[in-house]
């Protein structure tokens, strides 16, 4: 089978059909259009080129909307938000060290960095945290030492 490329109305997307050769040598154009984007083929569900182009535009708009929802401006992201994402990643991927990591985050990192904007954390802040953590009392959590006081 080979692909017949069509002009795509959205940059980064390819619109094509497949051409199949039967054993008797006759070429048949398969009726459905497909969209290729990010190494993934998606069927448009139509054999009409105009409708296929509309489907590609819709898919491109949906992809752009999804990217927009996943991102946030640097002025709104706090370190606490990033720490929540780390904890969620541990939970989703079923890491065995979830309890330990959550304790370290809640007692060690969040009290100091939690409310800070992520784009404003600098080396001096990290050095202050290291000094603070060295002086802070610890408690045993799950058989390991963890910081136990507020900043």
N, C-alpha and C. Protein backbone atom coordinates (compact mmCIF):
# COMPACT_ATOMS: atom_id res chain seq x y z
N UNK A 1 0.84 -1.18 0.00
CA UNK A 1 0.00 0.00 0.00
C UNK A 1 0.88 1.23 0.00
N UNK A 2 0.45 2.24 -0.69
CA UNK A 2 1.16 3.51 -0.65
C UNK A 2 0.18 4.60 -0.28
N UNK A 3 0.72 5.74 0.15
CA UNK A 3 -0.14 6.84 0.58
C UNK A 3 -0.24 7.89 -0.51
N UNK A 4 -1.43 8.45 -0.65
CA UNK A 4 -1.65 9.60 -1.52
C UNK A 4 -1.79 10.80 -0.59
N UNK A 5 -0.87 11.75 -0.70
CA UNK A 5 -0.89 12.93 0.17
C UNK A 5 -1.83 13.97 -0.41
N UNK A 6 -2.54 14.64 0.46
CA UNK A 6 -3.40 15.77 0.10
C UNK A 6 -2.87 17.00 0.81
N UNK A 7 -3.22 18.17 0.32
CA UNK A 7 -2.83 19.40 1.03
C UNK A 7 -3.58 19.48 2.35
N UNK A 8 -2.83 19.66 3.43
CA UNK A 8 -3.45 19.74 4.75
C UNK A 8 -3.67 21.20 5.11
N UNK A 9 -4.82 21.52 5.70
CA UNK A 9 -5.10 22.91 6.06
C UNK A 9 -4.40 23.34 7.35
N UNK A 10 -3.77 22.42 8.06
CA UNK A 10 -3.12 22.75 9.32
C UNK A 10 -1.67 22.32 9.26
N UNK A 11 -0.77 23.24 9.61
CA UNK A 11 0.66 22.96 9.58
C UNK A 11 0.99 21.88 10.61
N UNK A 12 1.84 20.93 10.24
CA UNK A 12 2.24 19.86 11.13
C UNK A 12 1.36 18.63 11.03
N UNK A 13 0.30 18.70 10.26
CA UNK A 13 -0.61 17.57 10.08
C UNK A 13 -0.54 17.13 8.62
N UNK A 14 -0.64 15.83 8.37
CA UNK A 14 -0.67 15.31 7.00
C UNK A 14 -2.04 14.68 6.78
N UNK A 15 -2.59 14.91 5.62
CA UNK A 15 -3.87 14.32 5.24
C UNK A 15 -3.62 13.40 4.07
N UNK A 16 -4.03 12.14 4.17
CA UNK A 16 -3.73 11.20 3.09
C UNK A 16 -4.77 10.10 3.01
N UNK A 17 -4.70 9.37 1.90
CA UNK A 17 -5.48 8.15 1.66
C UNK A 17 -4.50 7.06 1.32
N UNK A 18 -4.96 5.84 1.44
CA UNK A 18 -4.13 4.71 1.03
C UNK A 18 -4.57 4.21 -0.34
N UNK A 19 -3.60 3.79 -1.14
CA UNK A 19 -3.86 3.14 -2.42
C UNK A 19 -3.36 1.70 -2.29
N UNK A 20 -4.24 0.77 -2.63
CA UNK A 20 -3.92 -0.64 -2.49
C UNK A 20 -3.93 -1.29 -3.88
N UNK A 21 -2.98 -2.16 -4.12
CA UNK A 21 -2.91 -2.87 -5.41
C UNK A 21 -3.46 -4.29 -5.20
N UNK A 22 -4.48 -4.62 -5.98
CA UNK A 22 -5.06 -5.96 -5.92
C UNK A 22 -4.14 -6.95 -6.62
N UNK A 23 -4.34 -8.23 -6.37
CA UNK A 23 -3.49 -9.25 -7.02
C UNK A 23 -3.54 -9.19 -8.55
N UNK A 24 -4.65 -8.72 -9.12
CA UNK A 24 -4.74 -8.64 -10.59
C UNK A 24 -4.07 -7.38 -11.15
N UNK A 25 -3.46 -6.54 -10.27
CA UNK A 25 -2.73 -5.36 -10.73
C UNK A 25 -3.51 -4.06 -10.71
N UNK A 26 -4.81 -4.11 -10.42
CA UNK A 26 -5.63 -2.90 -10.40
C UNK A 26 -5.41 -2.17 -9.08
N UNK A 27 -5.23 -0.84 -9.16
CA UNK A 27 -5.07 -0.04 -7.95
C UNK A 27 -6.42 0.43 -7.45
N UNK A 28 -6.66 0.32 -6.16
CA UNK A 28 -7.90 0.76 -5.53
C UNK A 28 -7.55 1.83 -4.51
N UNK A 29 -8.27 2.94 -4.55
CA UNK A 29 -8.09 3.99 -3.55
C UNK A 29 -9.08 3.71 -2.43
N UNK A 30 -8.53 3.49 -1.23
CA UNK A 30 -9.39 3.25 -0.08
C UNK A 30 -10.09 4.55 0.27
N UNK A 31 -11.38 4.51 0.56
CA UNK A 31 -12.18 5.73 0.62
C UNK A 31 -11.91 6.66 1.80
N UNK A 32 -11.48 6.16 2.93
CA UNK A 32 -11.36 7.02 4.11
C UNK A 32 -10.08 7.84 4.07
N UNK A 33 -10.17 9.06 4.63
CA UNK A 33 -9.00 9.91 4.80
C UNK A 33 -8.42 9.68 6.19
N UNK A 34 -7.12 9.84 6.29
CA UNK A 34 -6.42 9.68 7.56
C UNK A 34 -5.61 10.93 7.84
N UNK A 35 -5.41 11.20 9.12
CA UNK A 35 -4.59 12.32 9.54
C UNK A 35 -3.37 11.74 10.23
N UNK A 36 -2.20 12.22 9.85
CA UNK A 36 -0.96 11.78 10.52
C UNK A 36 -0.40 12.98 11.26
N UNK A 37 -0.28 12.82 12.59
CA UNK A 37 0.28 13.87 13.42
C UNK A 37 1.00 13.20 14.58
N UNK A 38 2.25 13.58 14.82
CA UNK A 38 3.06 13.03 15.91
C UNK A 38 3.15 11.51 15.79
N UNK A 39 3.40 11.03 14.60
CA UNK A 39 3.60 9.61 14.31
C UNK A 39 2.39 8.75 14.66
N UNK A 40 1.21 9.32 14.60
CA UNK A 40 -0.02 8.58 14.91
C UNK A 40 -1.03 8.84 13.80
N UNK A 41 -1.63 7.76 13.29
CA UNK A 41 -2.66 7.88 12.26
C UNK A 41 -4.04 7.88 12.90
N UNK A 42 -4.89 8.79 12.47
CA UNK A 42 -6.26 8.88 12.96
C UNK A 42 -7.19 8.93 11.76
N UNK A 43 -8.23 8.15 11.78
CA UNK A 43 -9.19 8.14 10.69
C UNK A 43 -10.13 9.34 10.85
N UNK A 44 -10.43 10.03 9.75
CA UNK A 44 -11.35 11.16 9.81
C UNK A 44 -12.79 10.71 9.76
N UNK A 45 -13.04 9.52 9.25
CA UNK A 45 -14.40 9.00 9.19
C UNK A 45 -15.19 9.48 7.99
N UNK A 46 -14.53 10.05 7.02
CA UNK A 46 -15.23 10.55 5.83
C UNK A 46 -14.42 10.23 4.58
N UNK A 47 -15.12 10.16 3.45
CA UNK A 47 -14.43 9.98 2.18
C UNK A 47 -14.49 11.26 1.35
N UNK A 48 -15.01 12.33 1.93
CA UNK A 48 -15.12 13.62 1.26
C UNK A 48 -13.93 14.49 1.68
N UNK A 49 -13.18 15.01 0.71
CA UNK A 49 -11.98 15.79 1.01
C UNK A 49 -12.30 17.04 1.82
N UNK A 50 -13.36 17.76 1.49
CA UNK A 50 -13.72 18.98 2.23
C UNK A 50 -14.05 18.66 3.69
N UNK A 51 -14.78 17.57 3.92
CA UNK A 51 -15.10 17.18 5.30
C UNK A 51 -13.85 16.71 6.03
N UNK A 52 -12.95 16.04 5.32
CA UNK A 52 -11.70 15.59 5.94
C UNK A 52 -10.86 16.79 6.38
N UNK A 53 -10.83 17.85 5.56
CA UNK A 53 -10.08 19.05 5.93
C UNK A 53 -10.70 19.73 7.15
N UNK A 54 -12.02 19.73 7.24
CA UNK A 54 -12.69 20.28 8.42
C UNK A 54 -12.31 19.46 9.66
N UNK A 55 -12.26 18.13 9.51
CA UNK A 55 -11.89 17.27 10.63
C UNK A 55 -10.46 17.53 11.08
N UNK A 56 -9.55 17.80 10.13
CA UNK A 56 -8.17 18.10 10.47
C UNK A 56 -8.08 19.42 11.24
N UNK A 57 -8.83 20.42 10.78
CA UNK A 57 -8.83 21.71 11.49
C UNK A 57 -9.37 21.54 12.91
N UNK A 58 -10.40 20.75 13.06
CA UNK A 58 -10.98 20.51 14.38
C UNK A 58 -9.97 19.80 15.28
N UNK A 59 -9.29 18.79 14.73
CA UNK A 59 -8.30 18.06 15.52
C UNK A 59 -7.15 18.98 15.93
N UNK A 60 -6.72 19.83 15.00
CA UNK A 60 -5.65 20.78 15.31
C UNK A 60 -6.07 21.75 16.41
N UNK A 61 -7.31 22.22 16.35
CA UNK A 61 -7.83 23.11 17.39
C UNK A 61 -7.94 22.41 18.73
N UNK A 62 -8.40 21.16 18.72
CA UNK A 62 -8.51 20.39 19.97
C UNK A 62 -7.13 20.16 20.59
N UNK A 63 -6.14 19.84 19.74
CA UNK A 63 -4.78 19.63 20.25
C UNK A 63 -4.23 20.92 20.86
N UNK A 64 -4.46 22.06 20.20
CA UNK A 64 -4.00 23.34 20.72
C UNK A 64 -4.67 23.67 22.05
N UNK A 65 -5.97 23.40 22.14
CA UNK A 65 -6.72 23.63 23.39
C UNK A 65 -6.17 22.77 24.51
N UNK A 66 -5.86 21.51 24.21
CA UNK A 66 -5.33 20.61 25.22
C UNK A 66 -3.96 21.09 25.72
N UNK A 67 -3.10 21.55 24.80
CA UNK A 67 -1.79 22.08 25.21
C UNK A 67 -1.97 23.31 26.08
N UNK A 68 -2.94 24.14 25.75
CA UNK A 68 -3.18 25.36 26.51
C UNK A 68 -3.63 25.03 27.93
N UNK A 69 -4.44 23.97 28.09
CA UNK A 69 -4.92 23.59 29.41
C UNK A 69 -3.83 22.97 30.27
N UNK A 70 -2.84 22.34 29.63
CA UNK A 70 -1.77 21.69 30.39
C UNK A 70 -0.72 22.67 30.87
N UNK A 71 -0.67 23.86 30.31
CA UNK A 71 0.38 24.80 30.67
C UNK A 71 -0.19 25.94 31.50
N UNK A 72 0.66 26.50 32.31
CA UNK A 72 0.28 27.65 33.11
C UNK A 72 1.41 28.67 33.00
N UNK A 73 1.06 29.92 33.16
CA UNK A 73 2.07 30.97 33.07
C UNK A 73 3.05 30.88 34.23
N UNK A 74 4.30 31.30 34.02
CA UNK A 74 5.31 31.21 35.08
C UNK A 74 4.99 32.07 36.30
N UNK A 75 4.14 33.08 36.12
CA UNK A 75 3.81 33.94 37.25
C UNK A 75 2.75 33.33 38.16
N UNK A 76 2.19 32.18 37.79
CA UNK A 76 1.16 31.56 38.62
C UNK A 76 1.59 30.23 39.22
N UNK A 77 2.70 29.68 38.79
CA UNK A 77 3.14 28.37 39.27
C UNK A 77 4.00 28.55 40.52
N UNK A 78 3.55 27.90 41.61
CA UNK A 78 4.33 27.94 42.84
C UNK A 78 5.09 26.62 43.00
N UNK A 79 6.07 26.63 43.88
CA UNK A 79 6.81 25.40 44.15
C UNK A 79 5.86 24.37 44.76
N UNK A 80 4.89 24.82 45.55
CA UNK A 80 3.91 23.91 46.13
C UNK A 80 3.14 23.15 45.06
N UNK A 81 2.79 23.83 43.97
CA UNK A 81 2.10 23.18 42.85
C UNK A 81 2.99 22.10 42.23
N UNK A 82 4.26 22.40 42.05
CA UNK A 82 5.19 21.43 41.48
C UNK A 82 5.38 20.24 42.42
N UNK A 83 5.42 20.52 43.72
CA UNK A 83 5.54 19.43 44.69
C UNK A 83 4.31 18.53 44.66
N UNK A 84 3.13 19.13 44.47
CA UNK A 84 1.90 18.34 44.33
C UNK A 84 1.99 17.43 43.10
N UNK A 85 2.56 17.94 42.01
CA UNK A 85 2.72 17.14 40.79
C UNK A 85 3.69 15.99 41.02
N UNK A 86 4.74 16.21 41.79
CA UNK A 86 5.69 15.13 42.10
C UNK A 86 4.98 14.04 42.89
N UNK A 87 4.23 14.43 43.91
CA UNK A 87 3.49 13.46 44.72
C UNK A 87 2.49 12.69 43.86
N UNK A 88 1.78 13.39 42.98
CA UNK A 88 0.82 12.74 42.10
C UNK A 88 1.51 11.76 41.14
N UNK A 89 2.69 12.13 40.64
CA UNK A 89 3.44 11.24 39.76
C UNK A 89 3.84 9.97 40.51
N UNK A 90 4.30 10.11 41.73
CA UNK A 90 4.65 8.94 42.54
C UNK A 90 3.43 8.04 42.72
N UNK A 91 2.25 8.66 42.98
CA UNK A 91 1.04 7.89 43.21
C UNK A 91 0.60 7.17 41.93
N UNK A 92 0.60 7.87 40.80
CA UNK A 92 0.15 7.30 39.53
C UNK A 92 1.07 6.16 39.09
N UNK A 93 2.37 6.33 39.28
CA UNK A 93 3.33 5.31 38.84
C UNK A 93 3.60 4.26 39.91
N UNK A 94 2.87 4.33 41.01
CA UNK A 94 2.92 3.32 42.08
C UNK A 94 4.34 3.10 42.60
N UNK A 95 5.02 4.21 42.91
CA UNK A 95 6.36 4.12 43.49
C UNK A 95 6.28 3.59 44.91
N UNK A 96 7.22 2.73 45.27
CA UNK A 96 7.23 2.18 46.61
C UNK A 96 7.62 3.22 47.65
N UNK A 97 8.30 4.27 47.25
CA UNK A 97 8.78 5.28 48.18
C UNK A 97 7.82 6.47 48.31
N UNK A 98 6.56 6.28 47.96
CA UNK A 98 5.59 7.37 48.01
C UNK A 98 5.47 7.97 49.40
N UNK A 99 5.34 7.13 50.43
CA UNK A 99 5.19 7.65 51.79
C UNK A 99 6.40 8.47 52.21
N UNK A 100 7.57 7.94 51.93
CA UNK A 100 8.80 8.65 52.30
C UNK A 100 8.92 9.98 51.55
N UNK A 101 8.67 9.95 50.25
CA UNK A 101 8.77 11.18 49.46
C UNK A 101 7.74 12.21 49.92
N UNK A 102 6.51 11.75 50.20
CA UNK A 102 5.47 12.67 50.66
C UNK A 102 5.85 13.29 52.00
N UNK A 103 6.43 12.49 52.90
CA UNK A 103 6.86 13.02 54.19
C UNK A 103 7.98 14.04 54.02
N UNK A 104 8.93 13.75 53.16
CA UNK A 104 10.03 14.69 52.92
C UNK A 104 9.50 15.99 52.32
N UNK A 105 8.54 15.88 51.42
CA UNK A 105 7.97 17.08 50.80
C UNK A 105 7.19 17.89 51.83
N UNK A 106 6.33 17.22 52.59
CA UNK A 106 5.47 17.94 53.54
C UNK A 106 6.24 18.55 54.70
N UNK A 107 7.29 17.87 55.16
CA UNK A 107 8.00 18.35 56.34
C UNK A 107 9.30 19.07 56.01
N UNK A 108 9.83 18.87 54.82
CA UNK A 108 11.12 19.45 54.49
C UNK A 108 11.08 20.55 53.44
N UNK A 109 10.35 20.33 52.38
CA UNK A 109 10.36 21.29 51.27
C UNK A 109 9.19 22.27 51.30
N UNK A 110 7.98 21.77 51.52
CA UNK A 110 6.80 22.63 51.46
C UNK A 110 6.82 23.76 52.49
N UNK A 111 7.24 23.54 53.76
CA UNK A 111 7.24 24.65 54.71
C UNK A 111 8.14 25.80 54.27
N UNK A 112 9.21 25.50 53.58
CA UNK A 112 10.16 26.53 53.19
C UNK A 112 9.83 27.12 51.81
N UNK A 113 9.59 26.24 50.82
CA UNK A 113 9.42 26.69 49.44
C UNK A 113 7.98 26.75 48.95
N UNK A 114 7.03 26.17 49.67
CA UNK A 114 5.67 25.95 49.19
C UNK A 114 5.00 27.15 48.54
N UNK A 115 5.08 28.32 49.16
CA UNK A 115 4.37 29.49 48.64
C UNK A 115 5.19 30.30 47.63
N UNK A 116 6.46 29.95 47.45
CA UNK A 116 7.31 30.71 46.53
C UNK A 116 6.91 30.44 45.08
N UNK A 117 7.02 31.46 44.25
CA UNK A 117 6.82 31.24 42.82
C UNK A 117 8.01 30.45 42.29
N UNK A 118 7.73 29.49 41.44
CA UNK A 118 8.77 28.59 40.94
C UNK A 118 9.85 29.32 40.16
N UNK A 119 9.49 30.37 39.45
CA UNK A 119 10.48 31.08 38.65
C UNK A 119 11.36 32.01 39.49
N UNK A 120 11.05 32.16 40.77
CA UNK A 120 11.81 33.06 41.65
C UNK A 120 12.78 32.32 42.57
N UNK A 121 12.83 30.99 42.51
CA UNK A 121 13.74 30.22 43.36
C UNK A 121 15.16 30.34 42.78
N UNK A 122 16.10 30.75 43.64
CA UNK A 122 17.49 30.93 43.22
C UNK A 122 18.42 30.14 44.12
N UNK A 123 19.68 30.13 43.78
CA UNK A 123 20.69 29.41 44.54
C UNK A 123 20.73 29.87 45.99
N UNK A 124 20.59 31.17 46.23
CA UNK A 124 20.63 31.69 47.60
C UNK A 124 19.48 31.12 48.42
N UNK A 125 18.30 30.94 47.83
CA UNK A 125 17.17 30.34 48.54
C UNK A 125 17.47 28.89 48.91
N UNK A 126 18.08 28.17 48.00
CA UNK A 126 18.41 26.77 48.26
C UNK A 126 19.47 26.68 49.37
N UNK A 127 20.44 27.57 49.34
CA UNK A 127 21.46 27.58 50.40
C UNK A 127 20.84 27.90 51.75
N UNK A 128 19.87 28.84 51.80
CA UNK A 128 19.16 29.14 53.05
C UNK A 128 18.37 27.93 53.52
N UNK A 129 17.76 27.19 52.59
CA UNK A 129 17.01 25.99 52.96
C UNK A 129 17.93 24.93 53.53
N UNK A 130 19.11 24.76 52.94
CA UNK A 130 20.08 23.77 53.44
C UNK A 130 20.48 24.12 54.87
N UNK A 131 20.75 25.39 55.12
CA UNK A 131 21.10 25.82 56.48
C UNK A 131 19.94 25.60 57.44
N UNK A 132 18.72 25.92 57.00
CA UNK A 132 17.53 25.74 57.84
C UNK A 132 17.32 24.25 58.15
N UNK A 133 17.47 23.40 57.13
CA UNK A 133 17.24 21.97 57.31
C UNK A 133 18.28 21.36 58.24
N UNK A 134 19.52 21.89 58.21
CA UNK A 134 20.57 21.36 59.08
C UNK A 134 20.26 21.67 60.55
N UNK A 135 19.60 22.82 60.82
CA UNK A 135 19.28 23.22 62.20
C UNK A 135 17.95 22.67 62.69
N UNK A 136 17.07 22.29 61.78
CA UNK A 136 15.71 21.89 62.15
C UNK A 136 15.72 20.53 62.85
N UNK A 137 14.88 20.39 63.90
CA UNK A 137 14.79 19.07 64.54
C UNK A 137 14.12 18.07 63.60
N UNK A 138 14.40 16.81 63.81
CA UNK A 138 13.84 15.77 62.95
C UNK A 138 13.00 14.81 63.78
N UNK A 139 12.16 14.09 63.10
CA UNK A 139 11.35 13.05 63.72
C UNK A 139 11.42 11.82 62.84
N UNK A 140 11.17 10.68 63.41
CA UNK A 140 11.21 9.45 62.62
C UNK A 140 9.88 9.24 61.92
N UNK A 141 9.93 9.10 60.59
CA UNK A 141 8.74 8.85 59.79
C UNK A 141 9.04 7.61 58.95
N UNK A 142 8.25 6.57 59.15
CA UNK A 142 8.45 5.30 58.43
C UNK A 142 9.88 4.77 58.58
N UNK A 143 10.42 4.90 59.78
CA UNK A 143 11.76 4.39 60.03
C UNK A 143 12.88 5.27 59.51
N UNK A 144 12.56 6.46 59.03
CA UNK A 144 13.58 7.37 58.49
C UNK A 144 13.43 8.73 59.14
N UNK A 145 14.48 9.49 59.13
CA UNK A 145 14.44 10.82 59.71
C UNK A 145 13.83 11.80 58.73
N UNK A 146 12.96 12.69 59.25
CA UNK A 146 12.35 13.72 58.40
C UNK A 146 12.26 15.00 59.21
N UNK A 147 12.33 16.13 58.55
CA UNK A 147 12.19 17.41 59.23
C UNK A 147 10.79 17.52 59.81
N UNK A 148 10.67 18.16 60.97
CA UNK A 148 9.35 18.16 61.60
C UNK A 148 8.91 19.55 62.06
N UNK A 149 9.52 20.58 61.62
CA UNK A 149 9.07 21.89 62.11
C UNK A 149 8.75 22.83 60.95
N UNK A 150 8.04 23.89 61.27
CA UNK A 150 7.67 24.89 60.27
C UNK A 150 8.79 25.92 60.13
N UNK A 151 8.84 26.59 59.00
CA UNK A 151 9.85 27.62 58.74
C UNK A 151 9.46 28.89 59.44
